[in-house]
Amino acid sequence: MFIQHSVHIAHSMADCRPVFVNRARRWFPGVDATAEAVVGIHVAGVPVRKRVELVLGASSELGEWLEVPFAWKATGADKLFPELVGKLVLVQVEPNVTRLTVSGMYSAPLGKVGQKLDDAVMHKVANATLKELAKSIAGYVDHAIMQKVAAVR
Protein backbone atom coordinates (compact mmCIF):
# COMPACT_ATOMS: atom_id res chain seq x y z
CA MET A 1 0.00 0.00 0.00
CA PHE A 2 1.18 3.51 -0.80
CA ILE A 3 0.88 6.32 1.74
CA GLN A 4 1.91 9.95 1.48
CA HIS A 5 1.51 13.27 3.23
CA SER A 6 2.80 16.74 2.36
CA VAL A 7 3.14 19.91 4.42
CA HIS A 8 4.46 23.36 3.63
CA ILE A 9 7.29 24.93 5.58
CA ALA A 10 7.40 28.74 5.58
CA HIS A 11 11.11 28.89 4.70
CA SER A 12 13.11 28.75 1.50
CA MET A 13 14.68 25.56 0.25
CA ALA A 14 18.10 27.13 0.88
CA ASP A 15 17.19 27.47 4.58
CA CYS A 16 15.66 23.97 4.85
CA ARG A 17 18.39 22.03 3.02
CA PRO A 18 21.11 22.26 5.75
CA VAL A 19 18.78 20.72 8.34
CA PHE A 20 18.82 17.45 6.39
CA VAL A 21 22.32 17.57 4.93
CA ASN A 22 24.25 18.56 8.05
CA ARG A 23 22.23 17.19 10.96
CA ALA A 24 22.34 13.43 10.45
CA ARG A 25 19.21 11.91 11.99
CA ARG A 26 18.22 14.64 14.44
CA TRP A 27 15.34 15.77 12.24
CA PHE A 28 13.59 12.38 12.56
CA PRO A 29 11.37 12.52 15.67
CA GLY A 30 12.21 10.28 18.59
CA VAL A 31 15.38 8.81 17.08
CA ASP A 32 18.03 7.64 19.52
CA ALA A 33 21.69 6.63 19.33
CA THR A 34 20.79 2.99 18.55
CA ALA A 35 19.00 4.04 15.32
CA GLU A 36 15.65 3.27 16.84
CA ALA A 37 12.80 5.74 16.74
CA VAL A 38 9.23 5.99 17.92
CA VAL A 39 6.41 6.49 15.39
CA GLY A 40 2.68 6.60 15.81
CA ILE A 41 -0.41 8.71 16.13
CA HIS A 42 -2.56 10.48 18.68
CA VAL A 43 -6.00 9.02 19.36
CA ALA A 44 -8.27 11.37 21.30
CA GLY A 45 -5.14 13.24 22.40
CA VAL A 46 -3.42 10.09 23.67
CA PRO A 47 -0.19 9.05 21.92
CA VAL A 48 -0.19 5.53 20.47
CA ARG A 49 3.41 4.74 19.60
CA LYS A 50 5.56 1.88 18.34
CA ARG A 51 9.35 1.62 18.52
CA VAL A 52 10.96 0.91 15.15
CA GLU A 53 14.42 0.16 13.82
CA LEU A 54 15.15 3.08 11.54
CA VAL A 55 17.43 3.14 8.52
CA LEU A 56 18.06 6.55 6.99
CA GLY A 57 19.84 6.81 3.69
CA ALA A 58 22.08 9.64 2.62
CA SER A 59 20.41 12.76 1.33
CA SER A 60 20.73 13.36 -2.39
CA GLU A 61 19.90 16.38 -4.46
CA LEU A 62 18.06 15.89 -7.71
CA GLY A 63 18.06 19.29 -9.37
CA GLU A 64 15.97 21.51 -7.12
CA TRP A 65 14.78 18.55 -5.01
CA LEU A 66 16.33 17.05 -1.92
CA GLU A 67 15.50 13.42 -1.18
CA VAL A 68 16.23 11.27 1.87
CA PRO A 69 15.36 7.55 1.69
CA PHE A 70 14.31 5.76 4.86
CA ALA A 71 12.89 2.46 6.06
CA TRP A 72 11.60 1.17 9.34
CA LYS A 73 10.75 -2.17 10.87
CA ALA A 74 8.92 -2.64 14.17
CA THR A 75 10.87 -3.91 17.14
CA GLY A 76 9.48 -6.62 19.39
CA ALA A 77 6.45 -8.26 17.80
CA ASP A 78 7.65 -7.26 14.34
CA LYS A 79 5.56 -9.88 12.52
CA LEU A 80 2.41 -7.99 13.58
CA PHE A 81 3.50 -4.70 12.01
CA PRO A 82 4.37 -3.80 8.42
CA GLU A 83 7.81 -2.67 7.34
CA LEU A 84 7.78 0.69 5.61
CA VAL A 85 10.12 1.77 2.83
CA GLY A 86 9.86 5.42 1.96
CA LYS A 87 11.41 8.75 1.25
CA LEU A 88 11.26 12.33 2.33
CA VAL A 89 11.34 14.92 -0.44
CA LEU A 90 11.84 18.68 -0.16
CA VAL A 91 11.06 21.03 -3.04
CA GLN A 92 10.66 24.78 -3.14
CA VAL A 93 7.19 25.84 -4.29
CA GLU A 94 7.48 29.60 -3.68
CA PRO A 95 10.44 31.81 -2.77
CA ASN A 96 9.83 31.31 0.97
CA VAL A 97 7.78 28.11 0.96
CA THR A 98 9.16 24.58 0.77
CA ARG A 99 6.99 21.47 0.42
CA LEU A 100 8.00 18.49 2.53
CA THR A 101 6.51 15.21 1.37
CA VAL A 102 6.87 11.95 3.25
CA SER A 103 5.80 8.86 1.32
CA GLY A 104 6.19 5.14 1.59
CA MET A 105 5.10 1.65 0.67
CA TYR A 106 4.19 -1.22 2.97
CA SER A 107 2.55 -4.62 2.78
CA ALA A 108 0.06 -5.66 5.42
CA PRO A 109 1.41 -8.48 7.62
CA LEU A 110 -0.52 -11.64 8.51
CA GLY A 111 -1.67 -12.55 4.99
CA LYS A 112 -5.38 -12.29 4.13
CA VAL A 113 -6.38 -11.49 7.72
CA GLY A 114 -3.86 -8.66 7.77
CA GLN A 115 -5.13 -7.37 4.44
CA LYS A 116 -8.69 -7.25 5.76
CA LEU A 117 -7.50 -5.42 8.89
CA ASP A 118 -5.55 -3.02 6.69
CA ASP A 119 -8.59 -2.36 4.51
CA ALA A 120 -10.80 -1.80 7.56
CA VAL A 121 -8.55 0.18 9.90
CA MET A 122 -4.79 -0.07 9.57
CA HIS A 123 -4.42 1.86 6.31
CA LYS A 124 -6.02 4.84 8.07
CA VAL A 125 -3.56 4.37 10.95
CA ALA A 126 -0.64 4.23 8.50
CA ASN A 127 -1.84 7.42 6.78
CA ALA A 128 -2.25 9.16 10.14
CA THR A 129 1.24 8.02 11.18
CA LEU A 130 2.82 9.54 8.05
CA LYS A 131 0.79 12.73 8.51
CA GLU A 132 2.03 13.09 12.09
CA LEU A 133 5.57 12.28 10.99
CA ALA A 134 5.50 14.95 8.26
CA LYS A 135 4.14 17.57 10.67
CA SER A 136 6.73 16.67 13.29
CA ILE A 137 9.63 16.90 10.82
CA ALA A 138 8.31 20.23 9.49
CA GLY A 139 8.10 21.53 13.05
CA TYR A 140 11.69 20.47 13.70
CA VAL A 141 12.87 22.17 10.49
CA ASP A 142 11.08 25.40 11.38
CA HIS A 143 12.49 25.33 14.92
CA ALA A 144 16.06 24.63 13.70
CA ILE A 145 15.91 27.51 11.21
CA MET A 146 14.48 29.91 13.78
CA GLN A 147 17.24 28.97 16.26
CA LYS A 148 19.86 29.67 13.58
CA VAL A 149 18.28 33.04 12.81
CA ALA A 150 18.15 33.93 16.52
CA ALA A 151 21.82 32.95 16.98
CA VAL A 152 22.86 35.29 14.16
CA ARG A 153 21.04 38.27 15.72
C-alpha atoms as a PDB file:
ATOM      1  CA  MET A   1       0.000   0.000   0.000  1.00  0.00           C
ATOM      2  CA  PHE A   2       1.177   3.508  -0.803  1.00  0.00           C
ATOM      3  CA  ILE A   3       0.883   6.318   1.739  1.00  0.00           C
ATOM      4  CA  GLN A   4       1.908   9.949   1.483  1.00  0.00           C
ATOM      5  CA  HIS A   5       1.510  13.268   3.234  1.00  0.00           C
ATOM      6  CA  SER A   6       2.805  16.745   2.358  1.00  0.00           C
ATOM      7  CA  VAL A   7       3.142  19.909   4.419  1.00  0.00           C
ATOM      8  CA  HIS A   8       4.458  23.360   3.627  1.00  0.00           C
ATOM      9  CA  ILE A   9       7.294  24.926   5.582  1.00  0.00           C
ATOM     10  CA  ALA A  10       7.403  28.741   5.579  1.00  0.00           C
ATOM     11  CA  HIS A  11      11.108  28.889   4.699  1.00  0.00           C
ATOM     12  CA  SER A  12      13.114  28.745   1.503  1.00  0.00           C
ATOM     13  CA  MET A  13      14.677  25.555   0.251  1.00  0.00           C
ATOM     14  CA  ALA A  14      18.100  27.133   0.884  1.00  0.00           C
ATOM     15  CA  ASP A  15      17.191  27.472   4.576  1.00  0.00           C
ATOM     16  CA  CYS A  16      15.659  23.969   4.846  1.00  0.00           C
ATOM     17  CA  ARG A  17      18.391  22.027   3.021  1.00  0.00           C
ATOM     18  CA  PRO A  18      21.107  22.263   5.751  1.00  0.00           C
ATOM     19  CA  VAL A  19      18.783  20.723   8.337  1.00  0.00           C
ATOM     20  CA  PHE A  20      18.824  17.448   6.387  1.00  0.00           C
ATOM     21  CA  VAL A  21      22.317  17.565   4.926  1.00  0.00           C
ATOM     22  CA  ASN A  22      24.247  18.560   8.050  1.00  0.00           C
ATOM     23  CA  ARG A  23      22.227  17.194  10.964  1.00  0.00           C
ATOM     24  CA  ALA A  24      22.338  13.429  10.453  1.00  0.00           C
ATOM     25  CA  ARG A  25      19.213  11.915  11.993  1.00  0.00           C
ATOM     26  CA  ARG A  26      18.216  14.636  14.439  1.00  0.00           C
ATOM     27  CA  TRP A  27      15.340  15.771  12.238  1.00  0.00           C
ATOM     28  CA  PHE A  28      13.592  12.382  12.555  1.00  0.00           C
ATOM     29  CA  PRO A  29      11.374  12.518  15.667  1.00  0.00           C
ATOM     30  CA  GLY A  30      12.215  10.280  18.590  1.00  0.00           C
ATOM     31  CA  VAL A  31      15.379   8.806  17.080  1.00  0.00           C
ATOM     32  CA  ASP A  32      18.031   7.640  19.524  1.00  0.00           C
ATOM     33  CA  ALA A  33      21.693   6.634  19.332  1.00  0.00           C
ATOM     34  CA  THR A  34      20.791   2.994  18.548  1.00  0.00           C
ATOM     35  CA  ALA A  35      19.005   4.041  15.318  1.00  0.00           C
ATOM     36  CA  GLU A  36      15.649   3.267  16.836  1.00  0.00           C
ATOM     37  CA  ALA A  37      12.799   5.743  16.735  1.00  0.00           C
ATOM     38  CA  VAL A  38       9.231   5.988  17.915  1.00  0.00           C
ATOM     39  CA  VAL A  39       6.413   6.493  15.393  1.00  0.00           C
ATOM     40  CA  GLY A  40       2.676   6.603  15.811  1.00  0.00           C
ATOM     41  CA  ILE A  41      -0.414   8.711  16.129  1.00  0.00           C
ATOM     42  CA  HIS A  42      -2.563  10.476  18.680  1.00  0.00           C
ATOM     43  CA  VAL A  43      -6.004   9.022  19.361  1.00  0.00           C
ATOM     44  CA  ALA A  44      -8.274  11.375  21.302  1.00  0.00           C
ATOM     45  CA  GLY A  45      -5.139  13.242  22.397  1.00  0.00           C
ATOM     46  CA  VAL A  46      -3.423  10.089  23.675  1.00  0.00           C
ATOM     47  CA  PRO A  47      -0.187   9.052  21.917  1.00  0.00           C
ATOM     48  CA  VAL A  48      -0.191   5.533  20.470  1.00  0.00           C
ATOM     49  CA  ARG A  49       3.411   4.735  19.602  1.00  0.00           C
ATOM     50  CA  LYS A  50       5.561   1.884  18.339  1.00  0.00           C
ATOM     51  CA  ARG A  51       9.353   1.624  18.516  1.00  0.00           C
ATOM     52  CA  VAL A  52      10.959   0.912  15.145  1.00  0.00           C
ATOM     53  CA  GLU A  53      14.421   0.159  13.823  1.00  0.00           C
ATOM     54  CA  LEU A  54      15.153   3.078  11.538  1.00  0.00           C
ATOM     55  CA  VAL A  55      17.432   3.138   8.515  1.00  0.00           C
ATOM     56  CA  LEU A  56      18.058   6.552   6.993  1.00  0.00           C
ATOM     57  CA  GLY A  57      19.841   6.806   3.687  1.00  0.00           C
ATOM     58  CA  ALA A  58      22.083   9.643   2.618  1.00  0.00           C
ATOM     59  CA  SER A  59      20.408  12.762   1.326  1.00  0.00           C
ATOM     60  CA  SER A  60      20.730  13.357  -2.387  1.00  0.00           C
ATOM     61  CA  GLU A  61      19.901  16.380  -4.463  1.00  0.00           C
ATOM     62  CA  LEU A  62      18.063  15.888  -7.707  1.00  0.00           C
ATOM     63  CA  GLY A  63      18.058  19.287  -9.374  1.00  0.00           C
ATOM     64  CA  GLU A  64      15.975  21.507  -7.123  1.00  0.00           C
ATOM     65  CA  TRP A  65      14.784  18.551  -5.009  1.00  0.00           C
ATOM     66  CA  LEU A  66      16.332  17.047  -1.921  1.00  0.00           C
ATOM     67  CA  GLU A  67      15.498  13.422  -1.181  1.00  0.00           C
ATOM     68  CA  VAL A  68      16.229  11.266   1.872  1.00  0.00           C
ATOM     69  CA  PRO A  69      15.356   7.549   1.689  1.00  0.00           C
ATOM     70  CA  PHE A  70      14.313   5.759   4.864  1.00  0.00           C
ATOM     71  CA  ALA A  71      12.893   2.465   6.057  1.00  0.00           C
ATOM     72  CA  TRP A  72      11.595   1.167   9.343  1.00  0.00           C
ATOM     73  CA  LYS A  73      10.752  -2.169  10.872  1.00  0.00           C
ATOM     74  CA  ALA A  74       8.919  -2.635  14.167  1.00  0.00           C
ATOM     75  CA  THR A  75      10.867  -3.911  17.142  1.00  0.00           C
ATOM     76  CA  GLY A  76       9.479  -6.623  19.393  1.00  0.00           C
ATOM     77  CA  ALA A  77       6.447  -8.258  17.800  1.00  0.00           C
ATOM     78  CA  ASP A  78       7.654  -7.256  14.342  1.00  0.00           C
ATOM     79  CA  LYS A  79       5.557  -9.882  12.519  1.00  0.00           C
ATOM     80  CA  LEU A  80       2.415  -7.988  13.578  1.00  0.00           C
ATOM     81  CA  PHE A  81       3.496  -4.695  12.008  1.00  0.00           C
ATOM     82  CA  PRO A  82       4.369  -3.803   8.423  1.00  0.00           C
ATOM     83  CA  GLU A  83       7.806  -2.673   7.337  1.00  0.00           C
ATOM     84  CA  LEU A  84       7.781   0.685   5.611  1.00  0.00           C
ATOM     85  CA  VAL A  85      10.119   1.774   2.830  1.00  0.00           C
ATOM     86  CA  GLY A  86       9.860   5.422   1.957  1.00  0.00           C
ATOM     87  CA  LYS A  87      11.406   8.748   1.247  1.00  0.00           C
ATOM     88  CA  LEU A  88      11.262  12.330   2.332  1.00  0.00           C
ATOM     89  CA  VAL A  89      11.339  14.924  -0.442  1.00  0.00           C
ATOM     90  CA  LEU A  90      11.835  18.681  -0.164  1.00  0.00           C
ATOM     91  CA  VAL A  91      11.061  21.025  -3.045  1.00  0.00           C
ATOM     92  CA  GLN A  92      10.664  24.783  -3.139  1.00  0.00           C
ATOM     93  CA  VAL A  93       7.188  25.837  -4.291  1.00  0.00           C
ATOM     94  CA  GLU A  94       7.478  29.603  -3.681  1.00  0.00           C
ATOM     95  CA  PRO A  95      10.442  31.812  -2.765  1.00  0.00           C
ATOM     96  CA  ASN A  96       9.828  31.305   0.970  1.00  0.00           C
ATOM     97  CA  VAL A  97       7.778  28.105   0.959  1.00  0.00           C
ATOM     98  CA  THR A  98       9.162  24.579   0.770  1.00  0.00           C
ATOM     99  CA  ARG A  99       6.990  21.475   0.419  1.00  0.00           C
ATOM    100  CA  LEU A 100       8.004  18.495   2.530  1.00  0.00           C
ATOM    101  CA  THR A 101       6.506  15.206   1.368  1.00  0.00           C
ATOM    102  CA  VAL A 102       6.871  11.952   3.252  1.00  0.00           C
ATOM    103  CA  SER A 103       5.796   8.859   1.316  1.00  0.00           C
ATOM    104  CA  GLY A 104       6.194   5.138   1.589  1.00  0.00           C
ATOM    105  CA  MET A 105       5.096   1.648   0.672  1.00  0.00           C
ATOM    106  CA  TYR A 106       4.191  -1.220   2.970  1.00  0.00           C
ATOM    107  CA  SER A 107       2.548  -4.619   2.779  1.00  0.00           C
ATOM    108  CA  ALA A 108       0.060  -5.663   5.422  1.00  0.00           C
ATOM    109  CA  PRO A 109       1.408  -8.476   7.621  1.00  0.00           C
ATOM    110  CA  LEU A 110      -0.522 -11.640   8.506  1.00  0.00           C
ATOM    111  CA  GLY A 111      -1.669 -12.548   4.988  1.00  0.00           C
ATOM    112  CA  LYS A 112      -5.376 -12.290   4.133  1.00  0.00           C
ATOM    113  CA  VAL A 113      -6.380 -11.492   7.723  1.00  0.00           C
ATOM    114  CA  GLY A 114      -3.855  -8.659   7.774  1.00  0.00           C
ATOM    115  CA  GLN A 115      -5.129  -7.372   4.436  1.00  0.00           C
ATOM    116  CA  LYS A 116      -8.692  -7.251   5.762  1.00  0.00           C
ATOM    117  CA  LEU A 117      -7.496  -5.417   8.889  1.00  0.00           C
ATOM    118  CA  ASP A 118      -5.555  -3.019   6.689  1.00  0.00           C
ATOM    119  CA  ASP A 119      -8.586  -2.364   4.515  1.00  0.00           C
ATOM    120  CA  ALA A 120     -10.799  -1.798   7.563  1.00  0.00           C
ATOM    121  CA  VAL A 121      -8.548   0.181   9.895  1.00  0.00           C
ATOM    122  CA  MET A 122      -4.788  -0.074   9.571  1.00  0.00           C
ATOM    123  CA  HIS A 123      -4.424   1.859   6.311  1.00  0.00           C
ATOM    124  CA  LYS A 124      -6.017   4.837   8.075  1.00  0.00           C
ATOM    125  CA  VAL A 125      -3.559   4.375  10.953  1.00  0.00           C
ATOM    126  CA  ALA A 126      -0.641   4.230   8.498  1.00  0.00           C
ATOM    127  CA  ASN A 127      -1.841   7.424   6.781  1.00  0.00           C
ATOM    128  CA  ALA A 128      -2.245   9.159  10.137  1.00  0.00           C
ATOM    129  CA  THR A 129       1.245   8.023  11.179  1.00  0.00           C
ATOM    130  CA  LEU A 130       2.816   9.541   8.055  1.00  0.00           C
ATOM    131  CA  LYS A 131       0.789  12.727   8.513  1.00  0.00           C
ATOM    132  CA  GLU A 132       2.029  13.093  12.092  1.00  0.00           C
ATOM    133  CA  LEU A 133       5.572  12.277  10.989  1.00  0.00           C
ATOM    134  CA  ALA A 134       5.504  14.951   8.260  1.00  0.00           C
ATOM    135  CA  LYS A 135       4.136  17.570  10.669  1.00  0.00           C
ATOM    136  CA  SER A 136       6.734  16.668  13.290  1.00  0.00           C
ATOM    137  CA  ILE A 137       9.627  16.898  10.822  1.00  0.00           C
ATOM    138  CA  ALA A 138       8.308  20.230   9.490  1.00  0.00           C
ATOM    139  CA  GLY A 139       8.102  21.532  13.055  1.00  0.00           C
ATOM    140  CA  TYR A 140      11.694  20.471  13.696  1.00  0.00           C
ATOM    141  CA  VAL A 141      12.871  22.170  10.489  1.00  0.00           C
ATOM    142  CA  ASP A 142      11.085  25.403  11.380  1.00  0.00           C
ATOM    143  CA  HIS A 143      12.493  25.333  14.923  1.00  0.00           C
ATOM    144  CA  ALA A 144      16.064  24.628  13.704  1.00  0.00           C
ATOM    145  CA  ILE A 145      15.913  27.508  11.209  1.00  0.00           C
ATOM    146  CA  MET A 146      14.476  29.907  13.784  1.00  0.00           C
ATOM    147  CA  GLN A 147      17.238  28.971  16.256  1.00  0.00           C
ATOM    148  CA  LYS A 148      19.857  29.666  13.583  1.00  0.00           C
ATOM    149  CA  VAL A 149      18.275  33.039  12.806  1.00  0.00           C
ATOM    150  CA  ALA A 150      18.150  33.931  16.524  1.00  0.00           C
ATOM    151  CA  ALA A 151      21.816  32.945  16.976  1.00  0.00           C
ATOM    152  CA  VAL A 152      22.862  35.295  14.159  1.00  0.00           C
ATOM    153  CA  ARG A 153      21.044  38.268  15.720  1.00  0.00           C
END
